[in-house]
Amino acid sequence: MTTFTAPGLSSDTASTVTTLLQERLSALNDLHLTLKHVHWNVVGANFIGVHEMIDPQVELVRGYADTIAERVATLGASPRGTAKAIEDDRSWDDYSIGRDTAQAHLGALDVVYDGFITSHRDAIAKTGDLDPVTEDILIGQTAELEKFQWFVRAHLESYTGELATAGQTTESGAAAAARNA
């Protein structure tokens, strides 16, 4: 930590918030790479639609990482945006699907978004009383990520409103369910 932070925040509060934000930064950087991986490895009948749908998500997530990194710096800490930081901060498994159909990737990606959005919401809950500015940043990001998950789920939803991946909690299980739907 530097010797300063945002006005109105104690150094201890800033340290708590920046520790939380560092994990979110690593998660965003990992999500960016996961989305790019899906973009490069999707095949099948809906290839072009999914391939092109992913790019705006990649760009938005990259921007979110930048916003979080800049917030960390604003609060007086040094953001770590390296591959080693992602590995050190990771509490989740690496994306497990390689070259596969659009449906399989979308099924797996739905599980990824479930985990990511849940952890972003946890960060919102933890920052609310500590730093409403950080909370606001995370809320805005979560709203857009939930919309992207809706885009993904629209490909997995039946006309009756059921997801082909309902009940699946792993990427591989969701990919298999979506592939076989």
N, C-alpha and C. Protein backbone atom coordinates (compact mmCIF):
# COMPACT_ATOMS: atom_id res chain seq x y z
N MET A 1 0.84 -1.18 0.00
CA MET A 1 0.00 0.00 0.00
C MET A 1 0.88 1.25 0.00
N THR A 2 0.38 2.24 -0.68
CA THR A 2 1.03 3.54 -0.61
C THR A 2 0.60 4.19 0.71
N THR A 3 0.98 5.43 0.89
CA THR A 3 0.62 6.12 2.13
C THR A 3 -0.69 6.88 2.00
N PHE A 4 -1.40 6.68 0.89
CA PHE A 4 -2.67 7.37 0.70
C PHE A 4 -3.73 6.39 0.22
N THR A 5 -4.96 6.82 0.34
CA THR A 5 -6.08 6.10 -0.23
C THR A 5 -7.14 7.14 -0.62
N ALA A 6 -8.30 6.71 -1.02
CA ALA A 6 -9.37 7.63 -1.39
C ALA A 6 -9.84 8.39 -0.14
N PRO A 7 -10.16 9.66 -0.29
CA PRO A 7 -10.65 10.42 0.86
C PRO A 7 -11.86 9.76 1.52
N GLY A 8 -11.83 9.74 2.84
CA GLY A 8 -12.93 9.16 3.59
C GLY A 8 -12.78 7.68 3.90
N LEU A 9 -11.75 7.04 3.34
CA LEU A 9 -11.50 5.62 3.63
C LEU A 9 -10.25 5.49 4.49
N SER A 10 -10.29 4.63 5.48
CA SER A 10 -9.09 4.36 6.27
C SER A 10 -8.17 3.44 5.48
N SER A 11 -6.93 3.42 5.86
CA SER A 11 -5.98 2.51 5.20
C SER A 11 -6.39 1.06 5.38
N ASP A 12 -6.92 0.72 6.56
CA ASP A 12 -7.37 -0.66 6.80
C ASP A 12 -8.54 -1.03 5.89
N THR A 13 -9.49 -0.12 5.75
CA THR A 13 -10.63 -0.37 4.88
C THR A 13 -10.16 -0.51 3.44
N ALA A 14 -9.29 0.39 3.00
CA ALA A 14 -8.77 0.32 1.63
C ALA A 14 -8.05 -1.00 1.39
N SER A 15 -7.28 -1.44 2.38
CA SER A 15 -6.57 -2.71 2.24
C SER A 15 -7.53 -3.88 2.09
N THR A 16 -8.58 -3.89 2.89
CA THR A 16 -9.60 -4.95 2.79
C THR A 16 -10.26 -4.94 1.41
N VAL A 17 -10.63 -3.75 0.95
CA VAL A 17 -11.31 -3.64 -0.34
C VAL A 17 -10.36 -4.02 -1.49
N THR A 18 -9.12 -3.58 -1.44
CA THR A 18 -8.21 -3.89 -2.54
C THR A 18 -7.86 -5.37 -2.59
N THR A 19 -7.83 -6.02 -1.45
CA THR A 19 -7.60 -7.48 -1.45
C THR A 19 -8.76 -8.18 -2.16
N LEU A 20 -9.96 -7.75 -1.86
CA LEU A 20 -11.14 -8.31 -2.51
C LEU A 20 -11.13 -8.00 -4.01
N LEU A 21 -10.77 -6.76 -4.35
CA LEU A 21 -10.74 -6.36 -5.76
C LEU A 21 -9.65 -7.08 -6.54
N GLN A 22 -8.55 -7.41 -5.89
CA GLN A 22 -7.49 -8.14 -6.60
C GLN A 22 -8.00 -9.50 -7.05
N GLU A 23 -8.76 -10.16 -6.20
CA GLU A 23 -9.33 -11.46 -6.60
C GLU A 23 -10.31 -11.26 -7.75
N ARG A 24 -11.11 -10.20 -7.72
CA ARG A 24 -12.04 -9.91 -8.81
C ARG A 24 -11.29 -9.59 -10.09
N LEU A 25 -10.17 -8.87 -9.98
CA LEU A 25 -9.34 -8.57 -11.15
C LEU A 25 -8.83 -9.85 -11.78
N SER A 26 -8.31 -10.74 -10.97
CA SER A 26 -7.84 -12.02 -11.50
C SER A 26 -8.97 -12.82 -12.13
N ALA A 27 -10.14 -12.79 -11.49
CA ALA A 27 -11.31 -13.50 -12.04
C ALA A 27 -11.73 -12.90 -13.38
N LEU A 28 -11.72 -11.58 -13.47
CA LEU A 28 -12.07 -10.93 -14.74
C LEU A 28 -11.05 -11.25 -15.83
N ASN A 29 -9.78 -11.23 -15.49
CA ASN A 29 -8.75 -11.57 -16.47
C ASN A 29 -8.90 -13.02 -16.93
N ASP A 30 -9.23 -13.91 -16.01
CA ASP A 30 -9.46 -15.30 -16.37
C ASP A 30 -10.71 -15.44 -17.23
N LEU A 31 -11.78 -14.71 -16.89
CA LEU A 31 -13.00 -14.77 -17.69
C LEU A 31 -12.74 -14.27 -19.11
N HIS A 32 -11.97 -13.21 -19.22
CA HIS A 32 -11.60 -12.70 -20.55
C HIS A 32 -10.93 -13.79 -21.37
N LEU A 33 -9.96 -14.48 -20.77
CA LEU A 33 -9.25 -15.54 -21.48
C LEU A 33 -10.16 -16.72 -21.80
N THR A 34 -11.06 -17.05 -20.89
CA THR A 34 -12.02 -18.13 -21.12
C THR A 34 -12.93 -17.79 -22.30
N LEU A 35 -13.44 -16.57 -22.32
CA LEU A 35 -14.31 -16.15 -23.42
C LEU A 35 -13.55 -16.20 -24.75
N LYS A 36 -12.31 -15.78 -24.77
CA LYS A 36 -11.52 -15.82 -26.00
C LYS A 36 -11.29 -17.28 -26.42
N HIS A 37 -11.04 -18.14 -25.44
CA HIS A 37 -10.86 -19.57 -25.71
C HIS A 37 -12.11 -20.14 -26.38
N VAL A 38 -13.29 -19.80 -25.84
CA VAL A 38 -14.55 -20.25 -26.44
C VAL A 38 -14.66 -19.71 -27.86
N HIS A 39 -14.38 -18.46 -28.04
CA HIS A 39 -14.43 -17.80 -29.35
C HIS A 39 -13.58 -18.57 -30.38
N TRP A 40 -12.41 -19.01 -29.98
CA TRP A 40 -11.49 -19.71 -30.88
C TRP A 40 -11.84 -21.18 -31.09
N ASN A 41 -12.58 -21.77 -30.16
CA ASN A 41 -12.78 -23.23 -30.19
C ASN A 41 -14.20 -23.67 -30.46
N VAL A 42 -15.09 -22.74 -30.75
CA VAL A 42 -16.47 -23.11 -31.03
C VAL A 42 -16.59 -23.56 -32.49
N VAL A 43 -17.34 -24.63 -32.71
CA VAL A 43 -17.59 -25.16 -34.05
C VAL A 43 -19.06 -25.56 -34.16
N GLY A 44 -19.48 -25.87 -35.35
CA GLY A 44 -20.82 -26.41 -35.54
C GLY A 44 -21.77 -25.45 -36.22
N ALA A 45 -23.03 -25.86 -36.23
CA ALA A 45 -24.06 -25.17 -37.00
C ALA A 45 -24.24 -23.71 -36.60
N ASN A 46 -24.11 -23.40 -35.34
CA ASN A 46 -24.30 -22.03 -34.87
C ASN A 46 -22.99 -21.31 -34.64
N PHE A 47 -21.94 -21.78 -35.29
CA PHE A 47 -20.60 -21.23 -35.08
C PHE A 47 -20.55 -19.71 -35.19
N ILE A 48 -20.97 -19.15 -36.31
CA ILE A 48 -20.75 -17.73 -36.55
C ILE A 48 -21.52 -16.87 -35.56
N GLY A 49 -22.74 -17.25 -35.24
CA GLY A 49 -23.53 -16.48 -34.29
C GLY A 49 -22.88 -16.44 -32.91
N VAL A 50 -22.41 -17.59 -32.45
CA VAL A 50 -21.77 -17.65 -31.13
C VAL A 50 -20.40 -16.99 -31.18
N HIS A 51 -19.66 -17.27 -32.22
CA HIS A 51 -18.33 -16.67 -32.40
C HIS A 51 -18.43 -15.14 -32.32
N GLU A 52 -19.40 -14.57 -33.01
CA GLU A 52 -19.56 -13.11 -33.01
C GLU A 52 -20.23 -12.58 -31.75
N MET A 53 -21.02 -13.39 -31.07
CA MET A 53 -21.65 -12.97 -29.83
C MET A 53 -20.62 -12.82 -28.71
N ILE A 54 -19.57 -13.63 -28.76
CA ILE A 54 -18.57 -13.65 -27.69
C ILE A 54 -17.69 -12.40 -27.71
N ASP A 55 -17.35 -11.88 -28.88
CA ASP A 55 -16.41 -10.74 -28.95
C ASP A 55 -16.83 -9.53 -28.12
N PRO A 56 -18.08 -9.08 -28.17
CA PRO A 56 -18.45 -7.94 -27.32
C PRO A 56 -18.32 -8.27 -25.82
N GLN A 57 -18.55 -9.53 -25.47
CA GLN A 57 -18.37 -9.93 -24.08
C GLN A 57 -16.90 -9.83 -23.69
N VAL A 58 -16.02 -10.28 -24.58
CA VAL A 58 -14.58 -10.20 -24.32
C VAL A 58 -14.17 -8.75 -24.07
N GLU A 59 -14.60 -7.87 -24.95
CA GLU A 59 -14.20 -6.46 -24.83
C GLU A 59 -14.75 -5.83 -23.55
N LEU A 60 -15.98 -6.13 -23.21
CA LEU A 60 -16.56 -5.57 -22.00
C LEU A 60 -15.83 -6.08 -20.76
N VAL A 61 -15.55 -7.37 -20.71
CA VAL A 61 -14.85 -7.95 -19.56
C VAL A 61 -13.44 -7.37 -19.45
N ARG A 62 -12.77 -7.17 -20.56
CA ARG A 62 -11.43 -6.54 -20.53
C ARG A 62 -11.53 -5.13 -19.94
N GLY A 63 -12.57 -4.40 -20.32
CA GLY A 63 -12.79 -3.07 -19.78
C GLY A 63 -13.09 -3.11 -18.29
N TYR A 64 -13.85 -4.11 -17.86
CA TYR A 64 -14.15 -4.26 -16.44
C TYR A 64 -12.87 -4.52 -15.64
N ALA A 65 -11.98 -5.34 -16.18
CA ALA A 65 -10.71 -5.59 -15.51
C ALA A 65 -9.93 -4.29 -15.35
N ASP A 66 -9.93 -3.46 -16.39
CA ASP A 66 -9.24 -2.18 -16.33
C ASP A 66 -9.85 -1.29 -15.25
N THR A 67 -11.16 -1.25 -15.19
CA THR A 67 -11.85 -0.44 -14.17
C THR A 67 -11.47 -0.91 -12.76
N ILE A 68 -11.47 -2.22 -12.55
CA ILE A 68 -11.14 -2.76 -11.23
C ILE A 68 -9.67 -2.47 -10.91
N ALA A 69 -8.78 -2.65 -11.87
CA ALA A 69 -7.35 -2.37 -11.64
C ALA A 69 -7.15 -0.90 -11.27
N GLU A 70 -7.83 -0.02 -11.97
CA GLU A 70 -7.71 1.40 -11.67
C GLU A 70 -8.30 1.75 -10.31
N ARG A 71 -9.34 1.04 -9.89
CA ARG A 71 -9.90 1.27 -8.55
C ARG A 71 -8.90 0.82 -7.49
N VAL A 72 -8.24 -0.30 -7.72
CA VAL A 72 -7.20 -0.78 -6.79
C VAL A 72 -6.12 0.29 -6.65
N ALA A 73 -5.67 0.84 -7.78
CA ALA A 73 -4.64 1.88 -7.74
C ALA A 73 -5.15 3.14 -7.04
N THR A 74 -6.40 3.50 -7.30
CA THR A 74 -7.00 4.68 -6.66
C THR A 74 -7.01 4.53 -5.14
N LEU A 75 -7.20 3.31 -4.68
CA LEU A 75 -7.24 3.06 -3.23
C LEU A 75 -5.84 2.89 -2.64
N GLY A 76 -4.80 3.03 -3.46
CA GLY A 76 -3.44 3.05 -2.95
C GLY A 76 -2.67 1.75 -3.04
N ALA A 77 -3.22 0.74 -3.70
CA ALA A 77 -2.52 -0.53 -3.84
C ALA A 77 -2.05 -0.70 -5.27
N SER A 78 -1.31 -1.74 -5.50
CA SER A 78 -0.77 -2.03 -6.83
C SER A 78 -1.51 -3.22 -7.43
N PRO A 79 -2.30 -3.00 -8.49
CA PRO A 79 -3.02 -4.14 -9.10
C PRO A 79 -2.04 -5.10 -9.77
N ARG A 80 -2.33 -6.38 -9.62
CA ARG A 80 -1.51 -7.41 -10.25
C ARG A 80 -2.31 -8.03 -11.39
N GLY A 81 -1.85 -7.81 -12.62
CA GLY A 81 -2.57 -8.29 -13.78
C GLY A 81 -1.82 -9.36 -14.56
N THR A 82 -1.00 -10.12 -13.88
CA THR A 82 -0.18 -11.13 -14.54
C THR A 82 -0.84 -12.51 -14.51
N ALA A 83 -0.33 -13.39 -15.35
CA ALA A 83 -0.81 -14.78 -15.34
C ALA A 83 -0.56 -15.41 -13.98
N LYS A 84 0.55 -15.08 -13.35
CA LYS A 84 0.86 -15.61 -12.02
C LYS A 84 -0.17 -15.12 -11.00
N ALA A 85 -0.61 -13.87 -11.13
CA ALA A 85 -1.64 -13.36 -10.21
C ALA A 85 -2.94 -14.14 -10.37
N ILE A 86 -3.31 -14.43 -11.62
CA ILE A 86 -4.52 -15.23 -11.84
C ILE A 86 -4.37 -16.58 -11.16
N GLU A 87 -3.24 -17.21 -11.36
CA GLU A 87 -3.00 -18.53 -10.77
C GLU A 87 -3.02 -18.47 -9.25
N ASP A 88 -2.36 -17.45 -8.68
CA ASP A 88 -2.31 -17.31 -7.22
C ASP A 88 -3.69 -17.04 -6.62
N ASP A 89 -4.49 -16.23 -7.31
CA ASP A 89 -5.80 -15.82 -6.78
C ASP A 89 -6.91 -16.81 -7.10
N ARG A 90 -6.65 -17.75 -7.97
CA ARG A 90 -7.69 -18.65 -8.46
C ARG A 90 -8.20 -19.58 -7.36
N SER A 91 -9.52 -19.59 -7.21
CA SER A 91 -10.19 -20.55 -6.34
C SER A 91 -11.14 -21.42 -7.18
N TRP A 92 -11.03 -21.30 -8.48
CA TRP A 92 -11.89 -22.00 -9.42
C TRP A 92 -11.01 -22.83 -10.35
N ASP A 93 -11.61 -23.78 -11.02
CA ASP A 93 -10.88 -24.63 -11.97
C ASP A 93 -10.75 -23.93 -13.31
N ASP A 94 -9.74 -24.34 -14.06
CA ASP A 94 -9.54 -23.83 -15.41
C ASP A 94 -10.68 -24.33 -16.30
N TYR A 95 -11.03 -23.55 -17.29
CA TYR A 95 -12.10 -23.93 -18.23
C TYR A 95 -11.73 -25.27 -18.87
N SER A 96 -12.70 -26.17 -18.93
CA SER A 96 -12.38 -27.57 -19.25
C SER A 96 -12.78 -28.03 -20.65
N ILE A 97 -13.37 -27.17 -21.46
CA ILE A 97 -13.87 -27.60 -22.76
C ILE A 97 -12.93 -27.10 -23.86
N GLY A 98 -12.53 -27.98 -24.75
CA GLY A 98 -11.70 -27.60 -25.89
C GLY A 98 -12.57 -27.36 -27.11
N ARG A 99 -12.11 -27.80 -28.25
CA ARG A 99 -12.89 -27.66 -29.49
C ARG A 99 -14.19 -28.44 -29.33
N ASP A 100 -15.32 -27.73 -29.49
CA ASP A 100 -16.60 -28.39 -29.30
C ASP A 100 -17.69 -27.56 -29.97
N THR A 101 -18.89 -28.09 -29.96
CA THR A 101 -20.02 -27.41 -30.62
C THR A 101 -20.40 -26.13 -29.88
N ALA A 102 -21.10 -25.29 -30.60
CA ALA A 102 -21.60 -24.05 -30.00
C ALA A 102 -22.44 -24.37 -28.77
N GLN A 103 -23.33 -25.34 -28.88
CA GLN A 103 -24.20 -25.68 -27.76
C GLN A 103 -23.40 -26.15 -26.55
N ALA A 104 -22.39 -26.98 -26.78
CA ALA A 104 -21.58 -27.48 -25.66
C ALA A 104 -20.87 -26.32 -24.96
N HIS A 105 -20.27 -25.43 -25.74
CA HIS A 105 -19.59 -24.27 -25.12
C HIS A 105 -20.57 -23.37 -24.40
N LEU A 106 -21.74 -23.15 -24.97
CA LEU A 106 -22.71 -22.30 -24.30
C LEU A 106 -23.19 -22.92 -23.00
N GLY A 107 -23.37 -24.23 -22.99
CA GLY A 107 -23.74 -24.92 -21.75
C GLY A 107 -22.67 -24.75 -20.68
N ALA A 108 -21.42 -24.94 -21.07
CA ALA A 108 -20.31 -24.78 -20.13
C ALA A 108 -20.17 -23.32 -19.69
N LEU A 109 -20.35 -22.42 -20.63
CA LEU A 109 -20.23 -21.00 -20.33
C LEU A 109 -21.31 -20.53 -19.35
N ASP A 110 -22.48 -21.13 -19.41
CA ASP A 110 -23.54 -20.81 -18.46
C ASP A 110 -23.08 -21.14 -17.04
N VAL A 111 -22.40 -22.25 -16.87
CA VAL A 111 -21.86 -22.64 -15.56
C VAL A 111 -20.78 -21.65 -15.13
N VAL A 112 -19.93 -21.25 -16.07
CA VAL A 112 -18.90 -20.26 -15.76
C VAL A 112 -19.54 -18.97 -15.26
N TYR A 113 -20.54 -18.49 -15.98
CA TYR A 113 -21.23 -17.26 -15.57
C TYR A 113 -21.90 -17.43 -14.20
N ASP A 114 -22.49 -18.59 -13.94
CA ASP A 114 -23.08 -18.83 -12.61
C ASP A 114 -22.06 -18.57 -11.52
N GLY A 115 -20.89 -19.18 -11.65
CA GLY A 115 -19.85 -19.02 -10.64
C GLY A 115 -19.32 -17.61 -10.57
N PHE A 116 -19.08 -17.01 -11.73
CA PHE A 116 -18.52 -15.66 -11.74
C PHE A 116 -19.50 -14.65 -11.14
N ILE A 117 -20.74 -14.69 -11.57
CA ILE A 117 -21.73 -13.74 -11.09
C ILE A 117 -21.97 -13.92 -9.60
N THR A 118 -22.01 -15.15 -9.14
CA THR A 118 -22.17 -15.40 -7.70
C THR A 118 -21.02 -14.79 -6.92
N SER A 119 -19.80 -14.94 -7.39
CA SER A 119 -18.66 -14.38 -6.67
C SER A 119 -18.63 -12.85 -6.77
N HIS A 120 -19.08 -12.29 -7.87
CA HIS A 120 -19.18 -10.83 -7.97
C HIS A 120 -20.24 -10.31 -6.99
N ARG A 121 -21.36 -11.04 -6.88
CA ARG A 121 -22.40 -10.64 -5.92
C ARG A 121 -21.87 -10.74 -4.47
N ASP A 122 -21.06 -11.75 -4.19
CA ASP A 122 -20.44 -11.85 -2.86
C ASP A 122 -19.56 -10.63 -2.59
N ALA A 123 -18.82 -10.20 -3.60
CA ALA A 123 -17.97 -9.02 -3.45
C ALA A 123 -18.82 -7.77 -3.23
N ILE A 124 -19.96 -7.68 -3.89
CA ILE A 124 -20.88 -6.56 -3.67
C ILE A 124 -21.30 -6.52 -2.21
N ALA A 125 -21.69 -7.67 -1.68
CA ALA A 125 -22.14 -7.75 -0.29
C ALA A 125 -21.03 -7.33 0.68
N LYS A 126 -19.81 -7.72 0.39
CA LYS A 126 -18.69 -7.42 1.28
C LYS A 126 -18.24 -5.96 1.20
N THR A 127 -18.44 -5.32 0.06
CA THR A 127 -17.96 -3.94 -0.09
C THR A 127 -19.01 -2.90 0.25
N GLY A 128 -20.26 -3.29 0.32
CA GLY A 128 -21.35 -2.33 0.52
C GLY A 128 -21.15 -1.37 1.67
N ASP A 129 -20.85 -1.87 2.85
CA ASP A 129 -20.66 -1.01 4.01
C ASP A 129 -19.27 -0.38 4.03
N LEU A 130 -18.31 -1.02 3.39
CA LEU A 130 -16.93 -0.52 3.41
C LEU A 130 -16.70 0.61 2.43
N ASP A 131 -17.19 0.42 1.20
CA ASP A 131 -16.89 1.40 0.15
C ASP A 131 -18.00 1.37 -0.90
N PRO A 132 -18.99 2.24 -0.75
CA PRO A 132 -20.11 2.26 -1.69
C PRO A 132 -19.69 2.54 -3.13
N VAL A 133 -18.59 3.22 -3.35
CA VAL A 133 -18.13 3.49 -4.72
C VAL A 133 -17.73 2.17 -5.39
N THR A 134 -16.96 1.37 -4.68
CA THR A 134 -16.57 0.06 -5.21
C THR A 134 -17.81 -0.82 -5.40
N GLU A 135 -18.71 -0.77 -4.43
CA GLU A 135 -19.95 -1.54 -4.54
C GLU A 135 -20.69 -1.16 -5.81
N ASP A 136 -20.78 0.13 -6.10
CA ASP A 136 -21.47 0.61 -7.29
C ASP A 136 -20.82 0.08 -8.57
N ILE A 137 -19.50 0.10 -8.61
CA ILE A 137 -18.78 -0.43 -9.77
C ILE A 137 -19.15 -1.90 -9.99
N LEU A 138 -19.10 -2.67 -8.92
CA LEU A 138 -19.40 -4.10 -9.02
C LEU A 138 -20.85 -4.36 -9.39
N ILE A 139 -21.76 -3.55 -8.90
CA ILE A 139 -23.18 -3.71 -9.25
C ILE A 139 -23.38 -3.49 -10.75
N GLY A 140 -22.79 -2.43 -11.28
CA GLY A 140 -22.92 -2.16 -12.71
C GLY A 140 -22.37 -3.28 -13.57
N GLN A 141 -21.21 -3.80 -13.16
CA GLN A 141 -20.61 -4.90 -13.90
C GLN A 141 -21.49 -6.15 -13.84
N THR A 142 -22.02 -6.43 -12.68
CA THR A 142 -22.85 -7.62 -12.51
C THR A 142 -24.11 -7.56 -13.37
N ALA A 143 -24.71 -6.39 -13.46
CA ALA A 143 -25.91 -6.24 -14.29
C ALA A 143 -25.62 -6.62 -15.74
N GLU A 144 -24.52 -6.15 -16.28
CA GLU A 144 -24.18 -6.46 -17.67
C GLU A 144 -23.80 -7.93 -17.84
N LEU A 145 -23.09 -8.49 -16.87
CA LEU A 145 -22.72 -9.90 -16.96
C LEU A 145 -23.96 -10.80 -16.88
N GLU A 146 -24.93 -10.40 -16.08
CA GLU A 146 -26.19 -11.16 -16.03
C GLU A 146 -26.91 -11.09 -17.38
N LYS A 147 -26.82 -9.95 -18.04
CA LYS A 147 -27.44 -9.83 -19.37
C LYS A 147 -26.73 -10.76 -20.35
N PHE A 148 -25.40 -10.80 -20.29
CA PHE A 148 -24.67 -11.72 -21.18
C PHE A 148 -25.04 -13.17 -20.88
N GLN A 149 -25.22 -13.51 -19.61
CA GLN A 149 -25.64 -14.87 -19.30
C GLN A 149 -27.01 -15.15 -19.89
N TRP A 150 -27.87 -14.17 -19.89
CA TRP A 150 -29.18 -14.32 -20.52
C TRP A 150 -29.01 -14.61 -22.01
N PHE A 151 -28.09 -13.92 -22.69
CA PHE A 151 -27.81 -14.19 -24.11
C PHE A 151 -27.40 -15.65 -24.29
N VAL A 152 -26.52 -16.12 -23.41
CA VAL A 152 -26.06 -17.51 -23.48
C VAL A 152 -27.23 -18.45 -23.25
N ARG A 153 -28.00 -18.17 -22.23
CA ARG A 153 -29.12 -19.06 -21.88
C ARG A 153 -30.21 -19.08 -22.95
N ALA A 154 -30.35 -18.01 -23.71
CA ALA A 154 -31.36 -17.99 -24.78
C ALA A 154 -31.10 -19.10 -25.79
N HIS A 155 -29.83 -19.47 -25.96
CA HIS A 155 -29.46 -20.56 -26.87
C HIS A 155 -29.74 -21.93 -26.27
N LEU A 156 -29.87 -21.98 -24.96
CA LEU A 156 -30.05 -23.25 -24.24
C LEU A 156 -31.48 -23.49 -23.81
N GLU A 157 -32.33 -22.49 -24.01
CA GLU A 157 -33.70 -22.53 -23.50
C GLU A 157 -34.65 -23.15 -24.53
N SER A 158 -35.56 -23.97 -24.03
CA SER A 158 -36.61 -24.53 -24.88
C SER A 158 -37.77 -23.55 -24.96
N TYR A 159 -38.70 -23.82 -25.84
CA TYR A 159 -39.87 -22.95 -25.97
C TYR A 159 -40.72 -22.96 -24.70
N THR A 160 -40.53 -23.97 -23.84
CA THR A 160 -41.27 -24.03 -22.58
C THR A 160 -40.54 -23.32 -21.44
N GLY A 161 -39.37 -22.77 -21.72
CA GLY A 161 -38.63 -22.01 -20.72
C GLY A 161 -37.66 -22.83 -19.89
N GLU A 162 -37.40 -24.05 -20.30
CA GLU A 162 -36.47 -24.90 -19.56
C GLU A 162 -35.10 -24.87 -20.22
N LEU A 163 -34.05 -24.88 -19.37
CA LEU A 163 -32.68 -24.92 -19.88
C LEU A 163 -32.28 -26.36 -20.16
N ALA A 164 -31.61 -26.58 -21.27
CA ALA A 164 -31.11 -27.91 -21.60
C ALA A 164 -30.11 -28.38 -20.56
N THR A 165 -29.52 -27.44 -19.84
CA THR A 165 -28.48 -27.75 -18.86
C THR A 165 -28.98 -27.71 -17.42
N ALA A 166 -30.29 -27.68 -17.23
CA ALA A 166 -30.86 -27.58 -15.88
C ALA A 166 -30.27 -28.65 -14.96
N GLY A 167 -29.86 -28.21 -13.79
CA GLY A 167 -29.33 -29.13 -12.79
C GLY A 167 -27.85 -29.44 -12.92
N GLN A 168 -27.24 -29.02 -14.01
CA GLN A 168 -25.81 -29.28 -14.21
C GLN A 168 -24.98 -28.26 -13.43
N THR A 169 -23.94 -28.73 -12.76
CA THR A 169 -23.10 -27.84 -11.96
C THR A 169 -21.64 -27.84 -12.42
N THR A 170 -21.32 -28.67 -13.39
CA THR A 170 -19.95 -28.69 -13.91
C THR A 170 -19.98 -28.30 -15.39
N GLU A 171 -18.88 -27.75 -15.85
CA GLU A 171 -18.79 -27.38 -17.26
C GLU A 171 -18.96 -28.60 -18.16
N SER A 172 -18.30 -29.68 -17.83
CA SER A 172 -18.39 -30.87 -18.68
C SER A 172 -19.80 -31.45 -18.67
N GLY A 173 -20.44 -31.46 -17.52
CA GLY A 173 -21.82 -31.95 -17.45
C GLY A 173 -22.78 -31.08 -18.22
N ALA A 174 -22.61 -29.76 -18.11
CA ALA A 174 -23.47 -28.83 -18.85
C ALA A 174 -23.21 -28.93 -20.35
N ALA A 175 -21.94 -29.08 -20.72
CA ALA A 175 -21.60 -29.21 -22.15
C ALA A 175 -22.26 -30.47 -22.72
N ALA A 176 -22.17 -31.57 -21.99
CA ALA A 176 -22.78 -32.82 -22.48
C ALA A 176 -24.30 -32.69 -22.58
N ALA A 177 -24.92 -32.10 -21.58
CA ALA A 177 -26.38 -31.93 -21.61
C ALA A 177 -26.79 -31.04 -22.78
N ALA A 178 -26.07 -29.97 -23.02
CA ALA A 178 -26.41 -29.05 -24.12
C ALA A 178 -26.16 -29.72 -25.47
N ARG A 179 -25.09 -30.47 -25.56
CA ARG A 179 -24.73 -31.15 -26.81
C ARG A 179 -25.78 -32.19 -27.17
N ASN A 180 -26.37 -32.82 -26.18
CA ASN A 180 -27.32 -33.91 -26.40
C ASN A 180 -28.77 -33.46 -26.40
N ALA A 181 -29.00 -32.17 -26.21
CA ALA A 181 -30.39 -31.68 -26.15
C ALA A 181 -31.01 -31.63 -27.53
